[in-house]
Every structure is written in structure tokens, then in C-alpha cells.
Amino acid sequence: MNEIILMSAVDREVAGQMGIYVKSPVWSHVEDRLRRAFTFGGGVQLEIGYPETDSRIRLGLSMTMNAHPGNCRIVYSPVEELGEKSRIHEWWQSNDLPFSGTMVFNDHPFDNRTVCYSFDTVRTIFEDFFDKHDLSEPSMVQFRSVWDKKPRS
């Protein structure tokens, strides 16, 4: 079955501006939208779609970035079937820093160690997902299941 990539993106550079939805974007457009969301705040989601008919696409794997200006959270969702929530993974800083508090994204507090401050990291992970329609092992080791968080002590 042929796969396609779908991108939805929004940034806060211009107040009240609507987001975009693109079928089969080119990488340079994805990278530009990632940079805008990371710089101004916003979000980008890439989803792998499987066309079933001319008007119907079944969605599969996804990679999502929710950003405040200069930082973001990255979530990888290999969920393809309902009830697979335990497979959702979030990006974690690679070092063994101790718990230092939380940051709020979309009205929910998240461990500071799941907040990324490097656009290069964002670009590398999303480019891997874009190229392979999934994550390679070097990217995947930066993620942990949402049910397997690092300890707070």
C-alpha cells in the first residue's frame, strides 16, 4: 500500500492566522514550518497516511511538536489501532539530569527533561521520520513510553 505524508502546522507569528494542512509536502516546507513554530510558538504534526479510496485516507504513525518560542515537546505515536495508547513515546533529554520541575504545554505540566531547547534536535528527528516514514534506532533511543517516565528523585 502506498504511504503519503500529511503535515498540519500552525505558528503564532501573526495573531489569528490559520494553520495549514498539506498532503505530500517537500522537506524544505516541513523544515520551514518547524522553524517557524519553534521560533514563534505553535505546532507541527507529520502523519503517515494510507490512501484507501480517492477521498479516504487511513492515518497511521505520527510525529508531533508543540512549541513555545525557543523550546518544544516532541511526541512520537506509532499507534495505528485504537487501544494502543501505551505505545506513545515522548522525547527525553539524553543526560541523567535530576528532576527539576515542570513546564506547562497545552494546560498540562510536563517534566522539564521532556522539553527540547535545540532546533537542530527537532530538525534531525523530524527529518528521520520524514525520510523513513518512521523513526530509526538512533532517533528512537531518545524517546520513552509515556508509561515509562524517568524517576523524579
Protein backbone atom coordinates (compact mmCIF):
# COMPACT_ATOMS: atom_id res chain seq x y z
CA MET A 1 0.00 0.00 0.00
CA ASN A 2 1.36 3.43 -0.89
CA GLU A 3 2.07 5.76 2.01
CA ILE A 4 1.85 9.52 1.96
CA ILE A 5 2.88 12.17 4.47
CA LEU A 6 0.39 14.71 5.72
CA MET A 7 1.51 17.85 7.54
CA SER A 8 -0.52 20.17 9.71
CA ALA A 9 1.21 23.25 11.10
CA VAL A 10 0.46 26.49 12.89
CA ASP A 11 2.67 29.21 14.31
CA ARG A 12 1.99 32.35 16.31
CA GLU A 13 3.97 34.86 14.23
CA VAL A 14 0.75 36.58 13.13
CA ALA A 15 -2.11 36.63 15.65
CA GLY A 16 -5.26 34.95 14.35
CA GLN A 17 -3.55 33.36 11.34
CA MET A 18 -4.95 29.97 10.41
CA GLY A 19 -2.76 26.89 10.25
CA ILE A 20 -2.03 24.87 7.14
CA TYR A 21 -2.67 21.27 6.10
CA VAL A 22 -0.54 19.83 3.29
CA LYS A 23 -0.63 16.46 1.56
CA SER A 24 2.82 15.19 0.49
CA PRO A 25 4.89 18.24 1.50
CA VAL A 26 8.51 18.64 0.42
CA TRP A 27 11.15 18.55 3.18
CA SER A 28 12.10 22.23 2.82
CA HIS A 29 8.48 23.23 3.53
CA VAL A 30 8.35 20.96 6.60
CA GLU A 31 11.66 22.36 7.88
CA ASP A 32 10.41 25.93 7.39
CA ARG A 33 7.22 25.19 9.35
CA LEU A 34 9.21 23.52 12.14
CA ARG A 35 11.49 26.56 12.36
CA ARG A 36 8.54 28.98 12.44
CA ALA A 37 6.72 27.03 15.17
CA PHE A 38 9.94 26.68 17.21
CA THR A 39 10.71 30.40 16.85
CA PHE A 40 7.24 31.89 17.43
CA GLY A 41 5.44 29.06 19.24
CA GLY A 42 2.92 26.74 17.62
CA GLY A 43 2.93 23.17 16.44
CA VAL A 44 3.70 20.80 13.59
CA GLN A 45 2.42 17.30 13.05
CA LEU A 46 3.52 14.81 10.40
CA GLU A 47 1.27 11.80 9.90
CA ILE A 48 1.72 8.80 7.68
CA GLY A 49 -1.43 8.23 5.65
CA TYR A 50 -2.58 5.19 3.72
CA PRO A 51 -4.97 6.09 0.86
CA GLU A 52 -7.91 3.68 0.84
CA THR A 53 -10.04 5.42 -1.79
CA ASP A 54 -9.84 8.70 -3.70
CA SER A 55 -11.49 10.51 -0.80
CA ARG A 56 -10.47 8.44 2.23
CA ILE A 57 -7.06 8.20 3.94
CA ARG A 58 -6.37 5.97 6.95
CA LEU A 59 -3.94 7.64 9.33
CA GLY A 60 -1.08 5.79 10.98
CA LEU A 61 2.18 6.82 12.64
CA SER A 62 2.66 10.44 13.66
CA MET A 63 5.32 12.83 14.96
CA THR A 64 4.18 15.98 16.77
CA MET A 65 5.95 19.07 18.06
CA ASN A 66 4.19 21.52 20.40
CA ALA A 67 6.29 24.64 20.89
CA HIS A 68 6.68 27.76 22.96
CA PRO A 69 9.13 30.27 21.48
CA GLY A 70 12.56 28.60 21.75
CA ASN A 71 11.52 25.24 23.21
CA CYS A 72 9.16 22.37 22.50
CA ARG A 73 7.92 18.89 23.31
CA ILE A 74 8.15 16.10 20.73
CA VAL A 75 5.78 13.13 20.76
CA TYR A 76 6.06 10.03 18.56
CA SER A 77 2.92 7.99 18.14
CA PRO A 78 3.28 4.62 16.43
CA VAL A 79 -0.39 3.94 17.24
CA GLU A 80 -2.28 2.53 14.29
CA GLU A 81 -5.12 0.79 16.09
CA LEU A 82 -7.49 2.00 18.78
CA GLY A 83 -6.42 0.95 22.25
CA GLU A 84 -2.65 1.22 21.58
CA LYS A 85 -2.11 4.32 23.74
CA SER A 86 0.72 2.62 25.66
CA ARG A 87 2.89 2.80 22.54
CA ILE A 88 3.00 6.62 22.55
CA HIS A 89 6.53 7.92 23.23
CA GLU A 90 7.85 11.32 24.25
CA TRP A 91 11.32 12.77 23.66
CA TRP A 92 13.60 12.99 26.73
CA GLN A 93 16.90 14.78 27.20
CA SER A 94 19.67 12.19 26.83
CA ASN A 95 21.53 13.01 30.02
CA ASP A 96 20.72 11.83 33.53
CA LEU A 97 19.72 15.19 34.94
CA PRO A 98 17.67 15.03 38.12
CA PHE A 99 14.05 16.17 38.14
CA SER A 100 13.94 19.99 38.30
CA GLY A 101 10.26 20.80 37.94
CA THR A 102 7.70 21.04 35.19
CA MET A 103 6.75 23.24 32.25
CA VAL A 104 3.17 23.71 31.04
CA PHE A 105 2.20 22.84 27.46
CA ASN A 106 -1.47 22.91 26.44
CA ASP A 107 -2.57 23.39 30.06
CA HIS A 108 -0.71 20.29 31.30
CA PRO A 109 2.52 20.20 33.33
CA PHE A 110 5.34 18.08 31.85
CA ASP A 111 8.71 17.09 33.30
CA ASN A 112 11.33 19.67 32.26
CA ARG A 113 13.51 16.84 30.96
CA THR A 114 10.96 16.30 28.15
CA VAL A 115 11.44 19.86 26.89
CA CYS A 116 13.79 20.32 23.93
CA TYR A 117 15.71 23.59 23.52
CA SER A 118 17.63 22.65 20.34
CA PHE A 119 16.16 23.27 16.91
CA ASP A 120 18.89 21.01 15.46
CA THR A 121 17.49 18.12 17.53
CA VAL A 122 13.96 18.85 16.30
CA ARG A 123 15.09 19.04 12.66
CA THR A 124 17.10 15.80 12.90
CA ILE A 125 14.24 13.80 14.44
CA PHE A 126 11.60 15.11 12.05
CA GLU A 127 13.85 14.60 9.02
CA ASP A 128 14.42 10.99 10.09
CA PHE A 129 10.65 10.47 10.39
CA PHE A 130 10.03 12.27 7.06
CA ASP A 131 12.63 10.20 5.17
CA LYS A 132 11.83 6.79 6.65
CA HIS A 133 8.10 7.22 7.45
CA ASP A 134 9.08 6.04 10.94
CA LEU A 135 11.95 6.53 13.38
CA SER A 136 15.33 4.84 13.03
CA GLU A 137 17.00 3.32 16.08
CA PRO A 138 19.33 6.32 16.72
CA SER A 139 16.28 8.59 16.94
CA MET A 140 14.11 6.11 18.82
CA VAL A 141 16.58 5.79 21.72
CA GLN A 142 15.82 9.43 22.59
CA PHE A 143 12.19 8.54 23.31
CA ARG A 144 10.49 6.81 26.23
CA SER A 145 7.00 5.42 26.58
CA VAL A 146 4.63 7.81 28.34
CA TRP A 147 4.20 4.96 30.86
CA ASP A 148 7.98 4.61 31.44
CA LYS A 149 8.96 8.05 32.70
CA LYS A 150 12.29 8.80 34.35
CA PRO A 151 12.10 8.92 38.14
CA ARG A 152 11.58 12.26 39.87
CA SER A 153 14.07 11.52 42.64
